[in-house]
Amino acid sequence: MATTGGQPGNQNAAKSKAFHDSMRKACVTEDYARIRKGVERILDAVAEGEEWAIVFARDTLDGRPKQQTEITGEDGGPIFIKTGIDRMLAEAAESADR
């Protein structure tokens, strides 16, 4: 059972912590040389105009852009949501008309 974050029994939380700890140990041991080398390769790809590198750098530095979804009703108009009360009133009006 995982005891570090997440929900009880979530093995991914324990695996994530173990991965994080081993990565940090490797980085400190090598004085972050491999990290710097990797960053340099990404920056070189950005300079060359590689789209994947530009997107990666943007998302890493500024965060991913928020996705927006616009939902409209008929002909681009507003959406009307019937609640339980609306349904009951409509049914009562139909019954009164009969």
C-alpha atoms as a PDB file:
ATOM      1  CA  MET A   1       0.000   0.000   0.000  1.00  0.00           C
ATOM      2  CA  ALA A   2       1.344   3.410  -0.954  1.00  0.00           C
ATOM      3  CA  THR A   3       1.888   5.830   1.873  1.00  0.00           C
ATOM      4  CA  THR A   4       3.191   8.810  -0.083  1.00  0.00           C
ATOM      5  CA  GLY A   5       0.393  10.889  -1.538  1.00  0.00           C
ATOM      6  CA  GLY A   6      -2.400   9.797  -3.797  1.00  0.00           C
ATOM      7  CA  GLN A   7      -5.146   7.496  -2.747  1.00  0.00           C
ATOM      8  CA  PRO A   8      -4.640   4.507  -0.446  1.00  0.00           C
ATOM      9  CA  GLY A   9      -3.419   1.532  -2.439  1.00  0.00           C
ATOM     10  CA  ASN A  10      -2.246   3.698  -5.337  1.00  0.00           C
ATOM     11  CA  GLN A  11       1.002   2.027  -6.376  1.00  0.00           C
ATOM     12  CA  ASN A  12       1.700   4.778  -8.908  1.00  0.00           C
ATOM     13  CA  ALA A  13       2.346   7.274  -6.100  1.00  0.00           C
ATOM     14  CA  ALA A  14       5.061   5.057  -4.610  1.00  0.00           C
ATOM     15  CA  LYS A  15       6.572   4.354  -8.053  1.00  0.00           C
ATOM     16  CA  SER A  16       6.540   8.067  -8.872  1.00  0.00           C
ATOM     17  CA  LYS A  17       8.348   8.928  -5.646  1.00  0.00           C
ATOM     18  CA  ALA A  18      10.931   6.198  -6.230  1.00  0.00           C
ATOM     19  CA  PHE A  19      11.505   7.440  -9.799  1.00  0.00           C
ATOM     20  CA  HIS A  20      11.776  11.050  -8.604  1.00  0.00           C
ATOM     21  CA  ASP A  21      14.247  10.098  -5.874  1.00  0.00           C
ATOM     22  CA  SER A  22      16.460   8.071  -8.231  1.00  0.00           C
ATOM     23  CA  MET A  23      16.415  10.839 -10.871  1.00  0.00           C
ATOM     24  CA  ARG A  24      17.401  13.453  -8.293  1.00  0.00           C
ATOM     25  CA  LYS A  25      20.219  11.244  -7.003  1.00  0.00           C
ATOM     26  CA  ALA A  26      21.525  10.686 -10.562  1.00  0.00           C
ATOM     27  CA  CYS A  27      21.365  14.406 -11.342  1.00  0.00           C
ATOM     28  CA  VAL A  28      23.190  15.439  -8.185  1.00  0.00           C
ATOM     29  CA  THR A  29      25.838  12.734  -8.669  1.00  0.00           C
ATOM     30  CA  GLU A  30      26.612  13.972 -12.176  1.00  0.00           C
ATOM     31  CA  ASP A  31      26.306  17.646 -11.219  1.00  0.00           C
ATOM     32  CA  TYR A  32      23.346  17.932 -13.630  1.00  0.00           C
ATOM     33  CA  ALA A  33      25.690  17.561 -16.642  1.00  0.00           C
ATOM     34  CA  ARG A  34      23.331  15.256 -18.545  1.00  0.00           C
ATOM     35  CA  ILE A  35      20.404  17.570 -17.854  1.00  0.00           C
ATOM     36  CA  ARG A  36      22.362  20.528 -19.235  1.00  0.00           C
ATOM     37  CA  LYS A  37      23.353  18.469 -22.288  1.00  0.00           C
ATOM     38  CA  GLY A  38      19.707  17.554 -22.922  1.00  0.00           C
ATOM     39  CA  VAL A  39      18.565  21.153 -22.524  1.00  0.00           C
ATOM     40  CA  GLU A  40      21.244  22.278 -24.969  1.00  0.00           C
ATOM     41  CA  ARG A  41      19.962  19.768 -27.539  1.00  0.00           C
ATOM     42  CA  ILE A  42      16.402  21.049 -27.100  1.00  0.00           C
ATOM     43  CA  LEU A  43      17.552  24.662 -27.437  1.00  0.00           C
ATOM     44  CA  ASP A  44      19.510  23.762 -30.582  1.00  0.00           C
ATOM     45  CA  ALA A  45      16.358  22.187 -32.038  1.00  0.00           C
ATOM     46  CA  VAL A  46      14.372  25.335 -31.126  1.00  0.00           C
ATOM     47  CA  ALA A  47      16.972  27.468 -32.903  1.00  0.00           C
ATOM     48  CA  GLU A  48      16.677  25.215 -35.966  1.00  0.00           C
ATOM     49  CA  GLY A  49      12.905  25.743 -36.000  1.00  0.00           C
ATOM     50  CA  GLU A  50      11.902  22.210 -34.996  1.00  0.00           C
ATOM     51  CA  GLU A  51       8.192  22.464 -34.186  1.00  0.00           C
ATOM     52  CA  TRP A  52       8.219  19.758 -31.501  1.00  0.00           C
ATOM     53  CA  ALA A  53      11.034  21.558 -29.667  1.00  0.00           C
ATOM     54  CA  ILE A  54       9.308  24.933 -29.879  1.00  0.00           C
ATOM     55  CA  VAL A  55       6.066  23.445 -28.515  1.00  0.00           C
ATOM     56  CA  PHE A  56       7.989  21.619 -25.766  1.00  0.00           C
ATOM     57  CA  ALA A  57       9.882  24.756 -24.744  1.00  0.00           C
ATOM     58  CA  ARG A  58       6.720  26.888 -24.787  1.00  0.00           C
ATOM     59  CA  ASP A  59       4.743  24.382 -22.741  1.00  0.00           C
ATOM     60  CA  THR A  60       7.602  23.952 -20.275  1.00  0.00           C
ATOM     61  CA  LEU A  61       8.293  27.645 -19.775  1.00  0.00           C
ATOM     62  CA  ASP A  62       4.795  29.138 -20.030  1.00  0.00           C
ATOM     63  CA  GLY A  63       2.571  26.130 -19.367  1.00  0.00           C
ATOM     64  CA  ARG A  64       0.232  24.542 -21.857  1.00  0.00           C
ATOM     65  CA  PRO A  65      -2.377  26.823 -23.355  1.00  0.00           C
ATOM     66  CA  LYS A  66      -5.868  26.362 -21.944  1.00  0.00           C
ATOM     67  CA  GLN A  67      -8.235  24.637 -24.288  1.00  0.00           C
ATOM     68  CA  GLN A  68     -11.503  26.431 -24.778  1.00  0.00           C
ATOM     69  CA  THR A  69     -14.692  24.916 -26.087  1.00  0.00           C
ATOM     70  CA  GLU A  70     -17.611  27.072 -27.089  1.00  0.00           C
ATOM     71  CA  ILE A  71     -20.979  25.370 -26.973  1.00  0.00           C
ATOM     72  CA  THR A  72     -24.021  27.086 -28.412  1.00  0.00           C
ATOM     73  CA  GLY A  73     -27.635  26.213 -29.038  1.00  0.00           C
ATOM     74  CA  GLU A  74     -29.483  26.325 -32.332  1.00  0.00           C
ATOM     75  CA  ASP A  75     -28.188  28.914 -34.806  1.00  0.00           C
ATOM     76  CA  GLY A  76     -25.435  29.977 -32.408  1.00  0.00           C
ATOM     77  CA  GLY A  77     -27.919  31.056 -29.739  1.00  0.00           C
ATOM     78  CA  PRO A  78     -27.829  30.306 -26.017  1.00  0.00           C
ATOM     79  CA  ILE A  79     -28.357  26.854 -24.542  1.00  0.00           C
ATOM     80  CA  PHE A  80     -31.426  26.351 -22.395  1.00  0.00           C
ATOM     81  CA  ILE A  81     -31.203  23.700 -19.725  1.00  0.00           C
ATOM     82  CA  LYS A  82     -34.377  22.227 -18.315  1.00  0.00           C
ATOM     83  CA  THR A  83     -34.198  21.471 -14.641  1.00  0.00           C
ATOM     84  CA  GLY A  84     -36.537  19.207 -12.744  1.00  0.00           C
ATOM     85  CA  ILE A  85     -38.713  22.203 -11.833  1.00  0.00           C
ATOM     86  CA  ASP A  86     -38.895  23.298 -15.473  1.00  0.00           C
ATOM     87  CA  ARG A  87     -40.065  19.829 -16.480  1.00  0.00           C
ATOM     88  CA  MET A  88     -42.681  19.731 -13.745  1.00  0.00           C
ATOM     89  CA  LEU A  89     -44.018  23.161 -14.764  1.00  0.00           C
ATOM     90  CA  ALA A  90     -44.132  22.142 -18.423  1.00  0.00           C
ATOM     91  CA  GLU A  91     -45.983  18.917 -17.560  1.00  0.00           C
ATOM     92  CA  ALA A  92     -48.436  20.853 -15.356  1.00  0.00           C
ATOM     93  CA  ALA A  93     -49.088  23.331 -18.188  1.00  0.00           C
ATOM     94  CA  GLU A  94     -49.699  20.472 -20.630  1.00  0.00           C
ATOM     95  CA  SER A  95     -52.097  18.812 -18.190  1.00  0.00           C
ATOM     96  CA  ALA A  96     -54.010  22.083 -17.709  1.00  0.00           C
ATOM     97  CA  ASP A  97     -54.361  22.493 -21.476  1.00  0.00           C
ATOM     98  CA  ARG A  98     -55.977  19.083 -21.881  1.00  0.00           C
END
